[in-house]
Amino acid sequence: MDRVAFEQAAMEHLDSVYGMALSLTKKPELAEDLTQDVFVRAFQPRAVAGFEAKGGGMRSWLLAITHNVFYTSLKKNRRIPIPVGEFFEASSNEREPDAPPPAWDQASLDWEHVDDKLKAAIDDLKPGYRQVLLMWGVDGLKYREIAAILEVPIGTVMSRLHRARKTVADALTASPGDAGDALGSEAQGREDSP
């Protein structure tokens, strides 16, 4: 495949890459940066020459790059030392006792057609469970494609998807006062690596 055809084929999956980037970063500006990084890496001459259309094709290849770039940047950021002064300051993530709960990031899906209870249930999932659920349910990826992108065994994908679906179902069927309790007990009762 020549470079022009390669770039055109890759750009057809821009929305999928951005959607995954947004589900990983939870912030539109970070998702845009991640998407740009993915395409910069994908369009390098070495990547173009080495691309082989196997497995899920171009889309799965780009989503695998998205996953790898995101988690590589997380590992790099964890190695950066935190200045001592900032260590003892109050966290900006902590809410004041009377502050309203944080708003749902509605840009990660077409949330206009999803009710608030479902949004909360998905948002409360562990990141590993949420990622698999969104890749399967929203992006329509197959188990083996998700396994290849996340670089985990297919059984792990199936387990995470099962637990994510069960947790969301339990949260949706719980009475309004029990919704948080159902999610919390499910997440704490079944520890699994994300």
Protein backbone atom coordinates (compact mmCIF):
# COMPACT_ATOMS: atom_id res chain seq x y z
CA MET A 1 0.00 0.00 0.00
CA ASP A 2 1.46 3.38 -0.93
CA ARG A 3 1.72 6.16 1.63
CA VAL A 4 -1.23 8.23 0.33
CA ALA A 5 -3.58 5.22 0.39
CA PHE A 6 -2.25 4.27 3.82
CA GLU A 7 -2.93 7.73 5.24
CA GLN A 8 -6.42 7.84 3.72
CA ALA A 9 -7.24 4.41 5.16
CA ALA A 10 -5.93 5.47 8.59
CA MET A 11 -7.88 8.75 8.61
CA GLU A 12 -11.13 6.84 8.12
CA HIS A 13 -10.69 5.66 11.72
CA LEU A 14 -10.04 9.08 13.25
CA ASP A 15 -13.36 9.06 15.13
CA SER A 16 -12.70 5.62 16.61
CA VAL A 17 -9.22 6.62 17.76
CA TYR A 18 -10.55 9.85 19.28
CA GLY A 19 -13.39 7.96 21.00
CA MET A 20 -10.98 5.54 22.61
CA ALA A 21 -8.61 8.38 23.53
CA LEU A 22 -11.49 10.21 25.18
CA SER A 23 -12.57 7.13 27.13
CA LEU A 24 -8.98 6.73 28.37
CA THR A 25 -8.19 10.36 29.21
CA LYS A 26 -11.68 11.59 30.19
CA LYS A 27 -10.79 15.10 28.93
CA PRO A 28 -11.37 16.35 25.36
CA GLU A 29 -8.14 18.36 25.20
CA LEU A 30 -6.06 15.39 26.37
CA ALA A 31 -7.92 13.11 23.97
CA GLU A 32 -7.09 15.45 21.09
CA ASP A 33 -3.41 15.42 22.06
CA LEU A 34 -3.41 11.63 22.36
CA THR A 35 -5.13 11.26 18.98
CA GLN A 36 -2.55 13.52 17.39
CA ASP A 37 0.28 11.49 18.96
CA VAL A 38 -1.25 8.27 17.63
CA PHE A 39 -1.40 9.54 14.06
CA VAL A 40 2.09 11.04 14.26
CA ARG A 41 3.40 7.60 15.25
CA ALA A 42 1.22 5.79 12.70
CA PHE A 43 2.44 8.00 9.84
CA GLN A 44 6.14 7.54 10.56
CA PRO A 45 7.84 5.90 7.57
CA ARG A 46 8.88 2.92 9.70
CA ALA A 47 5.28 2.31 10.81
CA VAL A 48 3.88 2.67 7.29
CA ALA A 49 6.43 0.22 5.93
CA GLY A 50 5.86 -2.25 8.76
CA PHE A 51 2.05 -2.23 8.73
CA GLU A 52 0.45 -5.58 7.92
CA ALA A 53 -3.32 -5.86 7.54
CA LYS A 54 -3.92 -8.84 9.79
CA GLY A 55 -6.25 -9.38 12.71
CA GLY A 56 -8.61 -6.44 12.89
CA GLY A 57 -6.85 -4.43 10.19
CA MET A 58 -6.12 -0.72 10.28
CA ARG A 59 -8.67 0.11 12.99
CA SER A 60 -7.39 -2.43 15.50
CA TRP A 61 -3.81 -1.42 14.74
CA LEU A 62 -4.58 2.26 15.43
CA LEU A 63 -6.50 1.42 18.63
CA ALA A 64 -3.55 -0.67 19.81
CA ILE A 65 -1.26 2.32 19.22
CA THR A 66 -3.73 4.52 21.15
CA HIS A 67 -3.70 2.13 24.10
CA ASN A 68 0.09 1.80 24.09
CA VAL A 69 0.78 5.54 23.77
CA PHE A 70 -1.63 6.34 26.61
CA TYR A 71 -0.24 3.79 29.05
CA THR A 72 3.36 4.56 28.13
CA SER A 73 2.74 8.23 28.94
CA LEU A 74 1.15 7.23 32.27
CA LYS A 75 4.24 5.22 33.18
CA LYS A 76 6.51 8.13 32.26
CA ASN A 77 4.43 10.56 34.33
CA ARG A 78 4.59 8.27 37.38
CA ARG A 79 8.37 8.46 37.32
CA ILE A 80 8.38 12.27 37.55
CA PRO A 81 9.16 13.23 41.17
CA ILE A 82 6.61 15.32 43.03
CA PRO A 83 8.03 18.43 44.72
CA VAL A 84 7.77 18.19 48.51
CA GLY A 85 5.75 21.40 48.82
CA GLU A 86 2.99 20.03 46.58
CA PHE A 87 2.97 16.74 48.46
CA PHE A 88 1.56 18.36 51.59
CA GLU A 89 -0.89 20.72 49.90
CA ALA A 90 -4.56 19.82 49.63
CA SER A 91 -5.38 17.80 46.54
CA SER A 92 -7.25 19.63 43.80
CA ASN A 93 -9.26 16.43 43.23
CA GLU A 94 -10.84 16.57 46.68
CA ARG A 95 -14.32 18.04 46.81
CA GLU A 96 -15.51 20.31 49.55
CA PRO A 97 -18.05 18.54 51.80
CA ASP A 98 -20.96 20.60 50.45
CA ALA A 99 -19.80 20.71 46.80
CA PRO A 100 -22.01 19.04 44.19
CA PRO A 101 -20.73 15.81 42.66
CA PRO A 102 -18.55 16.17 39.56
CA ALA A 103 -20.38 16.32 36.23
CA TRP A 104 -20.25 13.36 33.86
CA ASP A 105 -17.98 13.80 30.87
CA GLN A 106 -20.66 13.54 28.19
CA ALA A 107 -18.30 13.83 25.25
CA SER A 108 -17.01 10.26 25.52
CA LEU A 109 -20.22 8.73 24.10
CA ASP A 110 -23.43 9.96 22.54
CA TRP A 111 -24.86 10.48 26.00
CA GLU A 112 -28.02 12.24 24.81
CA HIS A 113 -29.72 8.87 24.54
CA VAL A 114 -28.38 7.40 27.78
CA ASP A 115 -30.08 8.00 31.10
CA ASP A 116 -28.23 9.35 34.13
CA LYS A 117 -28.37 6.10 36.10
CA LEU A 118 -26.61 4.21 33.28
CA LYS A 119 -24.05 6.98 32.90
CA ALA A 120 -23.26 6.82 36.61
CA ALA A 121 -23.03 3.03 36.55
CA ILE A 122 -20.54 3.07 33.66
CA ASP A 123 -18.53 5.91 35.20
CA ASP A 124 -18.26 4.02 38.51
CA LEU A 125 -16.68 0.95 36.87
CA LYS A 126 -13.00 0.24 37.42
CA PRO A 127 -11.02 1.72 34.48
CA GLY A 128 -10.09 -1.72 33.11
CA TYR A 129 -13.71 -2.87 33.15
CA ARG A 130 -15.02 0.40 31.67
CA GLN A 131 -12.46 0.30 28.87
CA VAL A 132 -13.35 -3.27 27.84
CA LEU A 133 -17.08 -2.54 28.06
CA LEU A 134 -16.79 0.57 25.87
CA MET A 135 -14.50 -1.11 23.34
CA TRP A 136 -16.95 -4.02 23.06
CA GLY A 137 -20.26 -2.16 23.34
CA VAL A 138 -19.51 1.16 21.65
CA ASP A 139 -16.63 0.43 19.28
CA GLY A 140 -18.02 -3.01 18.41
CA LEU A 141 -14.68 -4.77 18.74
CA LYS A 142 -14.45 -8.53 19.09
CA TYR A 143 -12.89 -10.22 22.12
CA ARG A 144 -9.71 -11.13 20.25
CA GLU A 145 -9.32 -7.57 18.94
CA ILE A 146 -9.71 -6.14 22.45
CA ALA A 147 -7.24 -8.72 23.78
CA ALA A 148 -4.72 -7.75 21.11
CA ILE A 149 -5.15 -4.02 21.76
CA LEU A 150 -4.85 -4.34 25.54
CA GLU A 151 -2.20 -7.06 25.29
CA VAL A 152 -4.04 -9.36 27.70
CA PRO A 153 -5.34 -12.92 27.30
CA ILE A 154 -8.79 -13.29 25.75
CA GLY A 155 -10.02 -14.85 29.00
CA THR A 156 -9.17 -11.63 30.82
CA VAL A 157 -11.22 -9.66 28.30
CA MET A 158 -14.17 -12.02 28.75
CA SER A 159 -13.89 -11.86 32.55
CA ARG A 160 -13.69 -8.06 32.65
CA LEU A 161 -16.58 -7.72 30.24
CA HIS A 162 -18.71 -10.13 32.27
CA ARG A 163 -17.95 -8.30 35.50
CA ALA A 164 -18.54 -4.89 33.93
CA ARG A 165 -21.91 -5.95 32.51
CA LYS A 166 -22.95 -7.56 35.81
CA THR A 167 -21.90 -4.50 37.82
CA VAL A 168 -23.80 -2.15 35.50
CA ALA A 169 -26.86 -4.42 35.56
CA ASP A 170 -26.77 -4.62 39.36
CA ALA A 171 -26.49 -0.83 39.59
CA LEU A 172 -29.44 -0.36 37.23
CA THR A 173 -31.67 -2.80 39.11
CA ALA A 174 -30.75 -1.51 42.58
CA SER A 175 -33.12 0.84 44.35
CA PRO A 176 -32.09 4.53 44.19
CA GLY A 177 -30.50 4.51 47.65
CA ASP A 178 -28.56 1.30 46.97
CA ALA A 179 -26.98 2.22 43.60
CA GLY A 180 -23.68 3.40 45.09
CA ASP A 181 -23.60 0.49 47.53
CA ALA A 182 -24.06 -2.09 44.76
CA LEU A 183 -21.20 -0.66 42.74
CA GLY A 184 -18.91 -0.27 45.72
CA SER A 185 -19.45 -3.77 47.05
CA GLU A 186 -19.02 -5.31 43.59
CA ALA A 187 -15.80 -3.41 42.94
CA GLN A 188 -14.34 -4.19 46.36
CA GLY A 189 -15.58 -7.77 46.51
CA ARG A 190 -13.91 -8.80 43.28
CA GLU A 191 -10.45 -7.39 42.94
CA ASP A 192 -8.96 -7.77 39.48
CA SER A 193 -6.15 -5.92 37.81
CA PRO A 194 -7.46 -3.15 35.49
